Amino acid sequence: MPDRKCSFKISLAESEDKLIETLSNLLRRCSEQAKDRKATFSIGLSGGSLVQLLTKALRKSTLDTSNWEFFFCDERYVADDHSDSTFCAYRTEWLSQLPSILDSQFVKADTTKLLDECAADYEARVKVKLGNSHSVPQFDLLLLGMGPDGHTCSLFPEQPATLEETSRLVIPIRNSPKPPPERITFTLPLINNARDVAFVVTGASKSDVVKRVFVDQDKQFPAAWVDPTNGQLTLIVDAGAGSQIIS
């Protein structure tokens, strides 16, 4: 296995309950460590199956989330109330499941702006919120998913130039191979500057790409480029997704 620059941990969960417990423990550790450094806990969210898994983990943990700020590692370029909106997915779920989390705790993209302006504006808001307007901000925790094609955030294998971005922290995406075609996404400099980055991957259909990304570190897959510079990388998988990496 090629060497990673960062600390790397694999957690295999043999059931959904175990996965939820592992995710809850991660949230507890990262949020408590953040308390020692500053007033808020900054967490970047991804969509898909992570919405319900994170909801269950937060309900299980009973953590005080009043000082948490929720960002989006990528977002679809649609209205806030659109069914494709990741913000909408979380807000809809949390209105009933986690009513103590307020709208004001979400730092979301302004998709009423033109796409390029939307990306630039969100980058500026991230910098202001994380208190680092002149260099790369540092998130306390980023929660990432991974598709069967090895994409993460909205960084896709079909668009390798996005992996070479070094100056912008949030970029617009056009012609995404997955609908909807227009999005904004964090880039690698921002992702890899986080204190903790955790992939949460489930399902046997992803077992091969999990091995190729996290064991072989095959750089044809964008997820293989995630390697926090001074942070920890955690892979949380269920038995299906982890079947080829843990015997």
C-alpha atoms as a PDB file:
ATOM      1  CA  MET A   1       0.000   0.000   0.000  1.00  0.00           C
ATOM      2  CA  PRO A   2       1.401   3.451  -0.888  1.00  0.00           C
ATOM      3  CA  ASP A   3       2.115   5.658   2.114  1.00  0.00           C
ATOM      4  CA  ARG A   4      -0.365   8.365   2.993  1.00  0.00           C
ATOM      5  CA  LYS A   5       0.927  11.622   4.342  1.00  0.00           C
ATOM      6  CA  CYS A   6      -1.864  11.829   6.902  1.00  0.00           C
ATOM      7  CA  SER A   7      -2.963   9.685   9.816  1.00  0.00           C
ATOM      8  CA  PHE A   8      -5.404   7.110   8.431  1.00  0.00           C
ATOM      9  CA  LYS A   9      -7.940   4.982  10.274  1.00  0.00           C
ATOM     10  CA  ILE A  10     -10.409   2.385   8.993  1.00  0.00           C
ATOM     11  CA  SER A  11     -13.541   1.580  10.986  1.00  0.00           C
ATOM     12  CA  LEU A  12     -15.597  -1.409   9.849  1.00  0.00           C
ATOM     13  CA  ALA A  13     -19.182  -1.406  11.108  1.00  0.00           C
ATOM     14  CA  GLU A  14     -20.883  -4.794  10.939  1.00  0.00           C
ATOM     15  CA  SER A  15     -24.351  -3.269  11.237  1.00  0.00           C
ATOM     16  CA  GLU A  16     -26.022   0.077  10.704  1.00  0.00           C
ATOM     17  CA  ASP A  17     -26.271   0.500  14.486  1.00  0.00           C
ATOM     18  CA  LYS A  18     -22.493   0.058  14.765  1.00  0.00           C
ATOM     19  CA  LEU A  19     -21.920   2.526  11.938  1.00  0.00           C
ATOM     20  CA  ILE A  20     -24.162   5.072  13.658  1.00  0.00           C
ATOM     21  CA  GLU A  21     -22.246   4.539  16.904  1.00  0.00           C
ATOM     22  CA  THR A  22     -18.896   5.018  15.144  1.00  0.00           C
ATOM     23  CA  LEU A  23     -20.123   8.204  13.492  1.00  0.00           C
ATOM     24  CA  SER A  24     -21.497   9.453  16.824  1.00  0.00           C
ATOM     25  CA  ASN A  25     -18.150   8.856  18.502  1.00  0.00           C
ATOM     26  CA  LEU A  26     -16.378  10.746  15.720  1.00  0.00           C
ATOM     27  CA  LEU A  27     -18.719  13.718  16.131  1.00  0.00           C
ATOM     28  CA  ARG A  28     -18.178  13.704  19.878  1.00  0.00           C
ATOM     29  CA  ARG A  29     -14.376  13.589  19.602  1.00  0.00           C
ATOM     30  CA  CYS A  30     -14.121  16.294  16.958  1.00  0.00           C
ATOM     31  CA  SER A  31     -16.617  18.645  18.594  1.00  0.00           C
ATOM     32  CA  GLU A  32     -14.985  18.296  22.024  1.00  0.00           C
ATOM     33  CA  GLN A  33     -11.556  18.964  20.557  1.00  0.00           C
ATOM     34  CA  ALA A  34     -12.934  22.054  18.832  1.00  0.00           C
ATOM     35  CA  LYS A  35     -14.203  23.406  22.166  1.00  0.00           C
ATOM     36  CA  ASP A  36     -10.625  23.646  23.385  1.00  0.00           C
ATOM     37  CA  ARG A  37      -9.674  25.837  20.414  1.00  0.00           C
ATOM     38  CA  LYS A  38     -12.568  28.162  19.677  1.00  0.00           C
ATOM     39  CA  ALA A  39     -16.197  29.053  20.200  1.00  0.00           C
ATOM     40  CA  THR A  40     -17.720  27.145  17.278  1.00  0.00           C
ATOM     41  CA  PHE A  41     -17.462  23.702  15.705  1.00  0.00           C
ATOM     42  CA  SER A  42     -17.286  23.852  11.899  1.00  0.00           C
ATOM     43  CA  ILE A  43     -18.502  20.800  10.008  1.00  0.00           C
ATOM     44  CA  GLY A  44     -18.831  20.290   6.254  1.00  0.00           C
ATOM     45  CA  LEU A  45     -21.704  18.115   5.077  1.00  0.00           C
ATOM     46  CA  SER A  46     -22.258  15.922   2.022  1.00  0.00           C
ATOM     47  CA  GLY A  47     -25.555  14.636   0.669  1.00  0.00           C
ATOM     48  CA  GLY A  48     -26.932  11.260  -0.342  1.00  0.00           C
ATOM     49  CA  SER A  49     -27.166   8.505   2.261  1.00  0.00           C
ATOM     50  CA  LEU A  50     -25.169  10.613   4.710  1.00  0.00           C
ATOM     51  CA  VAL A  51     -28.228  12.774   5.423  1.00  0.00           C
ATOM     52  CA  GLN A  52     -30.111  10.052   7.270  1.00  0.00           C
ATOM     53  CA  LEU A  53     -26.994   8.453   8.760  1.00  0.00           C
ATOM     54  CA  LEU A  54     -25.876  11.748  10.258  1.00  0.00           C
ATOM     55  CA  THR A  55     -29.383  12.450  11.525  1.00  0.00           C
ATOM     56  CA  LYS A  56     -29.427   9.108  13.345  1.00  0.00           C
ATOM     57  CA  ALA A  57     -25.921   9.695  14.715  1.00  0.00           C
ATOM     58  CA  LEU A  58     -26.857  13.108  16.104  1.00  0.00           C
ATOM     59  CA  ARG A  59     -30.020  11.736  17.683  1.00  0.00           C
ATOM     60  CA  LYS A  60     -28.027   8.912  19.273  1.00  0.00           C
ATOM     61  CA  SER A  61     -25.234  11.134  20.533  1.00  0.00           C
ATOM     62  CA  THR A  62     -27.446  13.744  22.250  1.00  0.00           C
ATOM     63  CA  LEU A  63     -24.600  16.209  21.752  1.00  0.00           C
ATOM     64  CA  ASP A  64     -25.110  19.906  22.330  1.00  0.00           C
ATOM     65  CA  THR A  65     -25.054  21.291  18.787  1.00  0.00           C
ATOM     66  CA  SER A  66     -25.880  24.885  19.683  1.00  0.00           C
ATOM     67  CA  ASN A  67     -22.383  26.118  18.747  1.00  0.00           C
ATOM     68  CA  TRP A  68     -22.088  24.042  15.566  1.00  0.00           C
ATOM     69  CA  GLU A  69     -21.951  25.621  12.111  1.00  0.00           C
ATOM     70  CA  PHE A  70     -22.921  23.466   9.147  1.00  0.00           C
ATOM     71  CA  PHE A  71     -21.372  24.032   5.718  1.00  0.00           C
ATOM     72  CA  PHE A  72     -21.766  22.092   2.465  1.00  0.00           C
ATOM     73  CA  CYS A  73     -18.809  20.375   0.803  1.00  0.00           C
ATOM     74  CA  ASP A  74     -20.697  20.691  -2.443  1.00  0.00           C
ATOM     75  CA  GLU A  75     -24.129  21.884  -3.464  1.00  0.00           C
ATOM     76  CA  ARG A  76     -26.356  21.533  -6.471  1.00  0.00           C
ATOM     77  CA  TYR A  77     -27.053  24.798  -8.292  1.00  0.00           C
ATOM     78  CA  VAL A  78     -30.783  24.774  -7.620  1.00  0.00           C
ATOM     79  CA  ALA A  79     -33.178  26.707  -5.424  1.00  0.00           C
ATOM     80  CA  ASP A  80     -33.029  26.125  -1.659  1.00  0.00           C
ATOM     81  CA  ASP A  81     -36.400  24.382  -1.704  1.00  0.00           C
ATOM     82  CA  HIS A  82     -35.617  22.166  -4.720  1.00  0.00           C
ATOM     83  CA  SER A  83     -35.672  18.400  -4.207  1.00  0.00           C
ATOM     84  CA  ASP A  84     -32.068  18.199  -5.494  1.00  0.00           C
ATOM     85  CA  SER A  85     -30.769  20.701  -2.935  1.00  0.00           C
ATOM     86  CA  THR A  86     -28.537  19.170  -0.258  1.00  0.00           C
ATOM     87  CA  PHE A  87     -29.475  22.014   2.090  1.00  0.00           C
ATOM     88  CA  CYS A  88     -33.147  21.202   1.535  1.00  0.00           C
ATOM     89  CA  ALA A  89     -32.526  17.513   2.255  1.00  0.00           C
ATOM     90  CA  TYR A  90     -30.925  18.290   5.622  1.00  0.00           C
ATOM     91  CA  ARG A  91     -33.331  21.023   6.622  1.00  0.00           C
ATOM     92  CA  THR A  92     -36.357  18.866   5.789  1.00  0.00           C
ATOM     93  CA  GLU A  93     -34.964  15.942   7.780  1.00  0.00           C
ATOM     94  CA  TRP A  94     -33.867  18.018  10.742  1.00  0.00           C
ATOM     95  CA  LEU A  95     -37.046  20.090  11.083  1.00  0.00           C
ATOM     96  CA  SER A  96     -38.752  17.047  12.543  1.00  0.00           C
ATOM     97  CA  GLN A  97     -35.819  14.965  13.794  1.00  0.00           C
ATOM     98  CA  LEU A  98     -33.502  17.653  15.193  1.00  0.00           C
ATOM     99  CA  PRO A  99     -35.607  20.790  15.731  1.00  0.00           C
ATOM    100  CA  SER A 100     -32.996  22.356  18.028  1.00  0.00           C
ATOM    101  CA  ILE A 101     -30.730  22.973  15.006  1.00  0.00           C
ATOM    102  CA  LEU A 102     -31.612  26.391  13.637  1.00  0.00           C
ATOM    103  CA  ASP A 103     -31.577  27.756  10.089  1.00  0.00           C
ATOM    104  CA  SER A 104     -28.993  30.295  11.237  1.00  0.00           C
ATOM    105  CA  GLN A 105     -26.509  27.456  11.863  1.00  0.00           C
ATOM    106  CA  PHE A 106     -26.396  26.583   8.151  1.00  0.00           C
ATOM    107  CA  VAL A 107     -23.849  28.408   6.021  1.00  0.00           C
ATOM    108  CA  LYS A 108     -25.266  27.762   2.570  1.00  0.00           C
ATOM    109  CA  ALA A 109     -24.541  28.878  -0.955  1.00  0.00           C
ATOM    110  CA  ASP A 110     -26.572  31.665  -2.527  1.00  0.00           C
ATOM    111  CA  THR A 111     -27.841  29.901  -5.621  1.00  0.00           C
ATOM    112  CA  THR A 112     -29.766  33.001  -6.725  1.00  0.00           C
ATOM    113  CA  LYS A 113     -26.434  34.375  -7.958  1.00  0.00           C
ATOM    114  CA  LEU A 114     -24.866  33.410 -11.293  1.00  0.00           C
ATOM    115  CA  LEU A 115     -22.963  30.130 -10.997  1.00  0.00           C
ATOM    116  CA  ASP A 116     -19.451  31.619 -10.976  1.00  0.00           C
ATOM    117  CA  GLU A 117     -20.531  34.324  -8.535  1.00  0.00           C
ATOM    118  CA  CYS A 118     -22.204  31.706  -6.356  1.00  0.00           C
ATOM    119  CA  ALA A 119     -18.941  29.753  -6.036  1.00  0.00           C
ATOM    120  CA  ALA A 120     -16.834  32.857  -5.365  1.00  0.00           C
ATOM    121  CA  ASP A 121     -19.345  34.161  -2.832  1.00  0.00           C
ATOM    122  CA  TYR A 122     -19.443  30.855  -0.970  1.00  0.00           C
ATOM    123  CA  GLU A 123     -15.654  30.758  -0.808  1.00  0.00           C
ATOM    124  CA  ALA A 124     -15.681  34.262   0.668  1.00  0.00           C
ATOM    125  CA  ARG A 125     -18.317  33.278   3.232  1.00  0.00           C
ATOM    126  CA  VAL A 126     -16.313  30.216   4.276  1.00  0.00           C
ATOM    127  CA  LYS A 127     -13.255  32.397   4.801  1.00  0.00           C
ATOM    128  CA  VAL A 128     -15.172  34.941   6.859  1.00  0.00           C
ATOM    129  CA  LYS A 129     -16.913  32.326   8.994  1.00  0.00           C
ATOM    130  CA  LEU A 130     -13.727  30.374   9.660  1.00  0.00           C
ATOM    131  CA  GLY A 131     -11.786  33.545  10.349  1.00  0.00           C
ATOM    132  CA  ASN A 132      -9.079  33.159   7.750  1.00  0.00           C
ATOM    133  CA  SER A 133      -9.500  35.642   4.906  1.00  0.00           C
ATOM    134  CA  HIS A 134      -5.893  35.555   3.692  1.00  0.00           C
ATOM    135  CA  SER A 135      -5.075  31.833   3.601  1.00  0.00           C
ATOM    136  CA  VAL A 136      -6.807  28.464   3.488  1.00  0.00           C
ATOM    137  CA  PRO A 137      -9.394  28.087   6.288  1.00  0.00           C
ATOM    138  CA  GLN A 138      -9.403  24.960   8.423  1.00  0.00           C
ATOM    139  CA  PHE A 139     -12.568  22.999   9.042  1.00  0.00           C
ATOM    140  CA  ASP A 140     -12.857  20.951  12.204  1.00  0.00           C
ATOM    141  CA  LEU A 141     -14.521  18.073  10.337  1.00  0.00           C
ATOM    142  CA  LEU A 142     -15.569  17.267   6.787  1.00  0.00           C
ATOM    143  CA  LEU A 143     -17.971  14.390   6.196  1.00  0.00           C
ATOM    144  CA  LEU A 144     -17.590  12.992   2.695  1.00  0.00           C
ATOM    145  CA  GLY A 145     -19.364  10.373   0.671  1.00  0.00           C
ATOM    146  CA  MET A 146     -18.049   8.477  -2.330  1.00  0.00           C
ATOM    147  CA  GLY A 147     -19.841   7.331  -5.449  1.00  0.00           C
ATOM    148  CA  PRO A 148     -19.321   4.000  -7.222  1.00  0.00           C
ATOM    149  CA  ASP A 149     -17.205   5.941  -9.744  1.00  0.00           C
ATOM    150  CA  GLY A 150     -14.884   7.146  -6.977  1.00  0.00           C
ATOM    151  CA  HIS A 151     -16.125  10.738  -7.035  1.00  0.00           C
ATOM    152  CA  THR A 152     -16.381  12.766  -3.857  1.00  0.00           C
ATOM    153  CA  CYS A 153     -17.967  16.179  -3.343  1.00  0.00           C
ATOM    154  CA  SER A 154     -18.573  17.208  -6.960  1.00  0.00           C
ATOM    155  CA  LEU A 155     -15.086  16.200  -8.100  1.00  0.00           C
ATOM    156  CA  PHE A 156     -15.609  13.652 -10.856  1.00  0.00           C
ATOM    157  CA  PRO A 157     -13.211  11.332 -12.736  1.00  0.00           C
ATOM    158  CA  GLU A 158     -14.487  12.756 -16.038  1.00  0.00           C
ATOM    159  CA  GLN A 159     -13.288  16.247 -15.015  1.00  0.00           C
ATOM    160  CA  PRO A 160      -9.674  15.731 -13.878  1.00  0.00           C
ATOM    161  CA  ALA A 161      -8.831  19.421 -14.216  1.00  0.00           C
ATOM    162  CA  THR A 162     -10.833  20.087 -11.051  1.00  0.00           C
ATOM    163  CA  LEU A 163      -8.250  18.075  -9.109  1.00  0.00           C
ATOM    164  CA  GLU A 164      -5.500  20.431 -10.275  1.00  0.00           C
ATOM    165  CA  GLU A 165      -7.126  23.567  -8.876  1.00  0.00           C
ATOM    166  CA  THR A 166      -4.748  25.252  -6.440  1.00  0.00           C
ATOM    167  CA  SER A 167      -5.916  28.860  -6.094  1.00  0.00           C
ATOM    168  CA  ARG A 168      -9.695  28.633  -5.651  1.00  0.00           C
ATOM    169  CA  LEU A 169     -11.266  26.891  -2.657  1.00  0.00           C
ATOM    170  CA  VAL A 170     -14.763  26.637  -4.119  1.00  0.00           C
ATOM    171  CA  ILE A 171     -15.329  26.220  -7.846  1.00  0.00           C
ATOM    172  CA  PRO A 172     -18.299  26.006 -10.201  1.00  0.00           C
ATOM    173  CA  ILE A 173     -19.011  22.708 -11.935  1.00  0.00           C
ATOM    174  CA  ARG A 174     -20.686  22.538 -15.325  1.00  0.00           C
ATOM    175  CA  ASN A 175     -21.729  19.451 -17.254  1.00  0.00           C
ATOM    176  CA  SER A 176     -21.579  17.186 -14.223  1.00  0.00           C
ATOM    177  CA  PRO A 177     -21.818  13.520 -15.272  1.00  0.00           C
ATOM    178  CA  LYS A 178     -24.470  13.196 -12.558  1.00  0.00           C
ATOM    179  CA  PRO A 179     -27.586  15.361 -12.658  1.00  0.00           C
ATOM    180  CA  PRO A 180     -28.118  18.166 -11.996  1.00  0.00           C
ATOM    181  CA  PRO A 181     -25.342  19.393 -14.303  1.00  0.00           C
ATOM    182  CA  GLU A 182     -24.443  22.604 -12.466  1.00  0.00           C
ATOM    183  CA  ARG A 183     -22.966  22.605  -8.950  1.00  0.00           C
ATOM    184  CA  ILE A 184     -20.373  24.197  -6.720  1.00  0.00           C
ATOM    185  CA  THR A 185     -17.773  22.199  -4.817  1.00  0.00           C
ATOM    186  CA  PHE A 186     -14.918  22.457  -2.360  1.00  0.00           C
ATOM    187  CA  THR A 187     -11.523  21.862  -3.974  1.00  0.00           C
ATOM    188  CA  LEU A 188      -8.634  19.766  -2.703  1.00  0.00           C
ATOM    189  CA  PRO A 189      -6.701  22.626  -1.022  1.00  0.00           C
ATOM    190  CA  LEU A 190      -9.694  23.298   1.236  1.00  0.00           C
ATOM    191  CA  ILE A 191     -10.574  19.631   1.782  1.00  0.00           C
ATOM    192  CA  ASN A 192      -7.020  18.619   2.610  1.00  0.00           C
ATOM    193  CA  ASN A 193      -6.556  21.458   5.088  1.00  0.00           C
ATOM    194  CA  ALA A 194      -9.253  20.101   7.432  1.00  0.00           C
ATOM    195  CA  ARG A 195      -8.346  18.773  10.870  1.00  0.00           C
ATOM    196  CA  ASP A 196     -10.473  15.679  10.333  1.00  0.00           C
ATOM    197  CA  VAL A 197     -11.912  14.210   7.147  1.00  0.00           C
ATOM    198  CA  ALA A 198     -14.201  11.198   7.287  1.00  0.00           C
ATOM    199  CA  PHE A 199     -15.581   9.161   4.408  1.00  0.00           C
ATOM    200  CA  VAL A 200     -18.787   7.278   5.181  1.00  0.00           C
ATOM    201  CA  VAL A 201     -19.332   4.591   2.545  1.00  0.00           C
ATOM    202  CA  THR A 202     -21.961   1.859   2.506  1.00  0.00           C
ATOM    203  CA  GLY A 203     -23.051  -0.933   0.188  1.00  0.00           C
ATOM    204  CA  ALA A 204     -21.389  -3.945  -1.419  1.00  0.00           C
ATOM    205  CA  SER A 205     -21.574  -2.277  -4.844  1.00  0.00           C
ATOM    206  CA  LYS A 206     -18.788   0.069  -3.702  1.00  0.00           C
ATOM    207  CA  SER A 207     -16.450  -2.598  -2.299  1.00  0.00           C
ATOM    208  CA  ASP A 208     -14.171  -2.646  -5.344  1.00  0.00           C
ATOM    209  CA  VAL A 209     -13.786   1.115  -5.604  1.00  0.00           C
ATOM    210  CA  VAL A 210     -13.227   1.338  -1.822  1.00  0.00           C
ATOM    211  CA  LYS A 211     -10.258  -0.989  -2.203  1.00  0.00           C
ATOM    212  CA  ARG A 212      -8.936   0.857  -5.249  1.00  0.00           C
ATOM    213  CA  VAL A 213      -9.230   4.251  -3.549  1.00  0.00           C
ATOM    214  CA  PHE A 214      -8.159   3.522   0.018  1.00  0.00           C
ATOM    215  CA  VAL A 215      -5.777   0.589  -0.401  1.00  0.00           C
ATOM    216  CA  ASP A 216      -4.347   0.967  -3.906  1.00  0.00           C
ATOM    217  CA  GLN A 217      -4.720   4.774  -3.850  1.00  0.00           C
ATOM    218  CA  ASP A 218      -5.544   4.723  -7.546  1.00  0.00           C
ATOM    219  CA  LYS A 219      -5.421   8.377  -8.544  1.00  0.00           C
ATOM    220  CA  GLN A 220      -7.873   7.965 -11.401  1.00  0.00           C
ATOM    221  CA  PHE A 221     -10.499   8.300  -8.656  1.00  0.00           C
ATOM    222  CA  PRO A 222     -10.931  11.783  -7.126  1.00  0.00           C
ATOM    223  CA  ALA A 223     -11.534  10.338  -3.644  1.00  0.00           C
ATOM    224  CA  ALA A 224      -7.956   8.979  -3.694  1.00  0.00           C
ATOM    225  CA  TRP A 225      -6.661  12.558  -3.748  1.00  0.00           C
ATOM    226  CA  VAL A 226      -8.100  13.295  -0.316  1.00  0.00           C
ATOM    227  CA  ASP A 227      -5.086  13.253   1.990  1.00  0.00           C
ATOM    228  CA  PRO A 228      -5.251  15.851   4.783  1.00  0.00           C
ATOM    229  CA  THR A 229      -1.995  17.783   5.080  1.00  0.00           C
ATOM    230  CA  ASN A 230      -1.993  18.038   8.865  1.00  0.00           C
ATOM    231  CA  GLY A 231      -5.121  16.125   9.770  1.00  0.00           C
ATOM    232  CA  GLN A 232      -6.628  12.700  10.196  1.00  0.00           C
ATOM    233  CA  LEU A 233      -8.471  10.690   7.556  1.00  0.00           C
ATOM    234  CA  THR A 234     -11.092   8.180   8.671  1.00  0.00           C
ATOM    235  CA  LEU A 235     -12.903   5.646   6.514  1.00  0.00           C
ATOM    236  CA  ILE A 236     -16.150   4.367   8.011  1.00  0.00           C
ATOM    237  CA  VAL A 237     -17.561   1.452   6.027  1.00  0.00           C
ATOM    238  CA  ASP A 238     -20.231  -1.170   6.506  1.00  0.00           C
ATOM    239  CA  ALA A 239     -19.551  -4.861   5.931  1.00  0.00           C
ATOM    240  CA  GLY A 240     -20.526  -4.661   2.263  1.00  0.00           C
ATOM    241  CA  ALA A 241     -18.392  -1.658   1.296  1.00  0.00           C
ATOM    242  CA  GLY A 242     -15.448  -2.890   3.359  1.00  0.00           C
ATOM    243  CA  SER A 243     -15.491  -6.533   2.233  1.00  0.00           C
ATOM    244  CA  GLN A 244     -12.402  -6.242   0.022  1.00  0.00           C
ATOM    245  CA  ILE A 245     -10.203  -4.336   2.458  1.00  0.00           C
ATOM    246  CA  ILE A 246     -10.806  -6.121   5.752  1.00  0.00           C
ATOM    247  CA  SER A 247     -10.750  -9.894   5.939  1.00  0.00           C
END
